[in-house]
Amino acid sequence: MACRTLKLAIFLAHAVLFIVIASTTFNTVTNATTNEYLQNAIRLVRANFIVGTLGFIITIFFRACNATRKQNLEKT
């Protein structure tokens, strides 16, 4: 039960972080008046992509761990 709670907490943390960075990126891009602001927006897009990818990888990892654990329990 604790493992499910941990997985959900990590997933929700990544989702919230993804949404916060996405909204900040949108605001920065729409208000970019100089090249420096646009470069900052590109950095935010990159960070958003990395956070989203890590969240996806961590979710797959935890699901794979759970499946392996279930298979090991069925063998014994």
N, C-alpha and C. Protein backbone atom coordinates (compact mmCIF):
# COMPACT_ATOMS: atom_id res chain seq x y z
N MET A 1 0.82 -1.19 0.00
CA MET A 1 0.00 0.00 0.00
C MET A 1 0.87 1.26 0.00
N ALA A 2 1.97 1.21 0.74
CA ALA A 2 2.85 2.38 0.81
C ALA A 2 3.51 2.65 -0.54
N CYS A 3 3.79 1.57 -1.28
CA CYS A 3 4.41 1.72 -2.58
C CYS A 3 3.48 2.45 -3.54
N ARG A 4 2.19 2.12 -3.49
CA ARG A 4 1.21 2.79 -4.35
C ARG A 4 1.11 4.27 -3.99
N THR A 5 1.13 4.56 -2.71
CA THR A 5 1.05 5.95 -2.26
C THR A 5 2.28 6.73 -2.71
N LEU A 6 3.44 6.09 -2.62
CA LEU A 6 4.67 6.74 -3.06
C LEU A 6 4.65 6.99 -4.56
N LYS A 7 4.20 6.01 -5.32
CA LYS A 7 4.11 6.18 -6.78
C LYS A 7 3.16 7.31 -7.13
N LEU A 8 2.02 7.36 -6.46
CA LEU A 8 1.05 8.41 -6.73
C LEU A 8 1.61 9.78 -6.36
N ALA A 9 2.31 9.86 -5.24
CA ALA A 9 2.89 11.13 -4.81
C ALA A 9 3.94 11.62 -5.81
N ILE A 10 4.78 10.72 -6.27
CA ILE A 10 5.81 11.10 -7.25
C ILE A 10 5.17 11.51 -8.56
N PHE A 11 4.17 10.77 -9.00
CA PHE A 11 3.49 11.10 -10.25
C PHE A 11 2.82 12.47 -10.15
N LEU A 12 2.12 12.73 -9.05
CA LEU A 12 1.44 14.01 -8.88
C LEU A 12 2.43 15.17 -8.76
N ALA A 13 3.56 14.93 -8.11
CA ALA A 13 4.57 15.97 -8.00
C ALA A 13 5.11 16.34 -9.38
N HIS A 14 5.36 15.34 -10.21
CA HIS A 14 5.83 15.62 -11.57
C HIS A 14 4.75 16.32 -12.38
N ALA A 15 3.51 15.91 -12.20
CA ALA A 15 2.42 16.55 -12.95
C ALA A 15 2.27 18.02 -12.57
N VAL A 16 2.34 18.30 -11.28
CA VAL A 16 2.22 19.70 -10.83
C VAL A 16 3.40 20.52 -11.33
N LEU A 17 4.59 19.97 -11.23
CA LEU A 17 5.77 20.68 -11.71
C LEU A 17 5.69 20.92 -13.21
N PHE A 18 5.22 19.94 -13.95
CA PHE A 18 5.05 20.07 -15.40
C PHE A 18 4.07 21.21 -15.72
N ILE A 19 2.96 21.26 -15.00
CA ILE A 19 1.95 22.30 -15.25
C ILE A 19 2.49 23.68 -14.89
N VAL A 20 3.20 23.79 -13.78
CA VAL A 20 3.75 25.08 -13.37
C VAL A 20 4.77 25.58 -14.39
N ILE A 21 5.66 24.71 -14.83
CA ILE A 21 6.67 25.12 -15.81
C ILE A 21 6.01 25.46 -17.14
N ALA A 22 4.99 24.69 -17.53
CA ALA A 22 4.30 24.97 -18.79
C ALA A 22 3.61 26.32 -18.76
N SER A 23 2.95 26.65 -17.66
CA SER A 23 2.27 27.95 -17.57
C SER A 23 3.27 29.09 -17.53
N THR A 24 4.38 28.90 -16.84
CA THR A 24 5.42 29.92 -16.82
C THR A 24 6.02 30.12 -18.20
N THR A 25 6.23 29.02 -18.90
CA THR A 25 6.76 29.10 -20.26
C THR A 25 5.81 29.84 -21.17
N PHE A 26 4.53 29.55 -21.07
CA PHE A 26 3.54 30.23 -21.90
C PHE A 26 3.55 31.74 -21.64
N ASN A 27 3.58 32.11 -20.37
CA ASN A 27 3.62 33.54 -20.02
C ASN A 27 4.89 34.20 -20.53
N THR A 28 6.01 33.51 -20.42
CA THR A 28 7.27 34.09 -20.86
C THR A 28 7.31 34.26 -22.37
N VAL A 29 6.81 33.26 -23.10
CA VAL A 29 6.82 33.35 -24.56
C VAL A 29 5.89 34.47 -25.03
N THR A 30 4.74 34.59 -24.43
CA THR A 30 3.80 35.63 -24.88
C THR A 30 4.29 37.02 -24.53
N ASN A 31 5.10 37.15 -23.50
CA ASN A 31 5.60 38.46 -23.09
C ASN A 31 7.03 38.72 -23.55
N ALA A 32 7.60 37.83 -24.35
CA ALA A 32 8.99 37.99 -24.79
C ALA A 32 9.10 39.17 -25.75
N THR A 33 9.79 40.20 -25.30
CA THR A 33 9.96 41.39 -26.13
C THR A 33 11.39 41.52 -26.63
N THR A 34 12.32 40.87 -25.95
CA THR A 34 13.72 40.94 -26.38
C THR A 34 14.24 39.53 -26.60
N ASN A 35 15.42 39.47 -27.18
CA ASN A 35 16.06 38.18 -27.44
C ASN A 35 16.38 37.45 -26.14
N GLU A 36 16.75 38.20 -25.10
CA GLU A 36 17.08 37.59 -23.82
C GLU A 36 15.86 36.89 -23.21
N TYR A 37 14.70 37.53 -23.29
CA TYR A 37 13.48 36.91 -22.78
C TYR A 37 13.13 35.65 -23.57
N LEU A 38 13.35 35.70 -24.86
CA LEU A 38 13.06 34.53 -25.69
C LEU A 38 14.01 33.37 -25.35
N GLN A 39 15.27 33.68 -25.08
CA GLN A 39 16.21 32.64 -24.68
C GLN A 39 15.80 32.01 -23.34
N ASN A 40 15.31 32.84 -22.43
CA ASN A 40 14.82 32.31 -21.16
C ASN A 40 13.62 31.40 -21.38
N ALA A 41 12.75 31.78 -22.30
CA ALA A 41 11.59 30.94 -22.61
C ALA A 41 12.03 29.60 -23.18
N ILE A 42 13.05 29.62 -24.02
CA ILE A 42 13.55 28.36 -24.59
C ILE A 42 14.13 27.48 -23.49
N ARG A 43 14.80 28.08 -22.52
CA ARG A 43 15.32 27.31 -21.38
C ARG A 43 14.18 26.66 -20.60
N LEU A 44 13.09 27.41 -20.43
CA LEU A 44 11.95 26.86 -19.71
C LEU A 44 11.31 25.71 -20.48
N VAL A 45 11.23 25.84 -21.80
CA VAL A 45 10.69 24.75 -22.62
C VAL A 45 11.55 23.51 -22.45
N ARG A 46 12.86 23.69 -22.46
CA ARG A 46 13.79 22.57 -22.28
C ARG A 46 13.59 21.92 -20.91
N ALA A 47 13.48 22.74 -19.87
CA ALA A 47 13.27 22.21 -18.52
C ALA A 47 11.95 21.47 -18.42
N ASN A 48 10.92 22.00 -19.06
CA ASN A 48 9.61 21.36 -19.05
C ASN A 48 9.68 19.99 -19.74
N PHE A 49 10.39 19.92 -20.83
CA PHE A 49 10.54 18.66 -21.55
C PHE A 49 11.28 17.64 -20.69
N ILE A 50 12.34 18.07 -20.02
CA ILE A 50 13.12 17.16 -19.18
C ILE A 50 12.28 16.65 -18.01
N VAL A 51 11.55 17.54 -17.36
CA VAL A 51 10.71 17.12 -16.22
C VAL A 51 9.63 16.15 -16.68
N GLY A 52 8.99 16.45 -17.80
CA GLY A 52 7.96 15.55 -18.33
C GLY A 52 8.52 14.18 -18.66
N THR A 53 9.69 14.16 -19.29
CA THR A 53 10.32 12.89 -19.65
C THR A 53 10.71 12.09 -18.41
N LEU A 54 11.28 12.76 -17.42
CA LEU A 54 11.66 12.07 -16.19
C LEU A 54 10.44 11.50 -15.47
N GLY A 55 9.36 12.26 -15.44
CA GLY A 55 8.13 11.76 -14.82
C GLY A 55 7.62 10.51 -15.51
N PHE A 56 7.68 10.52 -16.84
CA PHE A 56 7.24 9.37 -17.63
C PHE A 56 8.13 8.16 -17.35
N ILE A 57 9.44 8.36 -17.33
CA ILE A 57 10.39 7.27 -17.10
C ILE A 57 10.21 6.70 -15.69
N ILE A 58 10.06 7.57 -14.70
CA ILE A 58 9.90 7.09 -13.32
C ILE A 58 8.60 6.30 -13.17
N THR A 59 7.54 6.76 -13.82
CA THR A 59 6.27 6.03 -13.75
C THR A 59 6.42 4.64 -14.37
N ILE A 60 7.06 4.54 -15.52
CA ILE A 60 7.28 3.24 -16.16
C ILE A 60 8.15 2.36 -15.27
N PHE A 61 9.19 2.94 -14.66
CA PHE A 61 10.08 2.17 -13.80
C PHE A 61 9.32 1.57 -12.62
N PHE A 62 8.48 2.37 -11.97
CA PHE A 62 7.73 1.85 -10.83
C PHE A 62 6.73 0.78 -11.26
N ARG A 63 6.12 0.95 -12.41
CA ARG A 63 5.19 -0.08 -12.88
C ARG A 63 5.93 -1.38 -13.21
N ALA A 64 7.11 -1.27 -13.80
CA ALA A 64 7.90 -2.45 -14.11
C ALA A 64 8.34 -3.16 -12.83
N CYS A 65 8.72 -2.39 -11.82
CA CYS A 65 9.12 -2.98 -10.53
C CYS A 65 7.95 -3.73 -9.91
N ASN A 66 6.77 -3.15 -10.00
CA ASN A 66 5.58 -3.79 -9.45
C ASN A 66 5.28 -5.09 -10.18
N ALA A 67 5.38 -5.08 -11.50
CA ALA A 67 5.10 -6.29 -12.28
C ALA A 67 6.10 -7.38 -11.95
N THR A 68 7.37 -7.02 -11.81
CA THR A 68 8.39 -8.00 -11.47
C THR A 68 8.14 -8.58 -10.09
N ARG A 69 7.76 -7.74 -9.15
CA ARG A 69 7.49 -8.20 -7.79
C ARG A 69 6.32 -9.18 -7.78
N LYS A 70 5.27 -8.88 -8.55
CA LYS A 70 4.12 -9.77 -8.61
C LYS A 70 4.50 -11.12 -9.21
N GLN A 71 5.34 -11.12 -10.25
CA GLN A 71 5.77 -12.37 -10.86
C GLN A 71 6.59 -13.19 -9.87
N ASN A 72 7.46 -12.54 -9.11
CA ASN A 72 8.27 -13.25 -8.13
C ASN A 72 7.41 -13.84 -7.01
N LEU A 73 6.36 -13.14 -6.62
CA LEU A 73 5.47 -13.66 -5.59
C LEU A 73 4.67 -14.86 -6.09
N GLU A 74 4.31 -14.84 -7.38
CA GLU A 74 3.55 -15.96 -7.94
C GLU A 74 4.40 -17.21 -8.05
N LYS A 75 5.71 -17.06 -8.25
CA LYS A 75 6.60 -18.21 -8.39
C LYS A 75 6.78 -18.95 -7.06
N THR A 76 6.71 -18.21 -5.96
CA THR A 76 6.97 -18.85 -4.65
C THR A 76 5.72 -19.44 -4.05
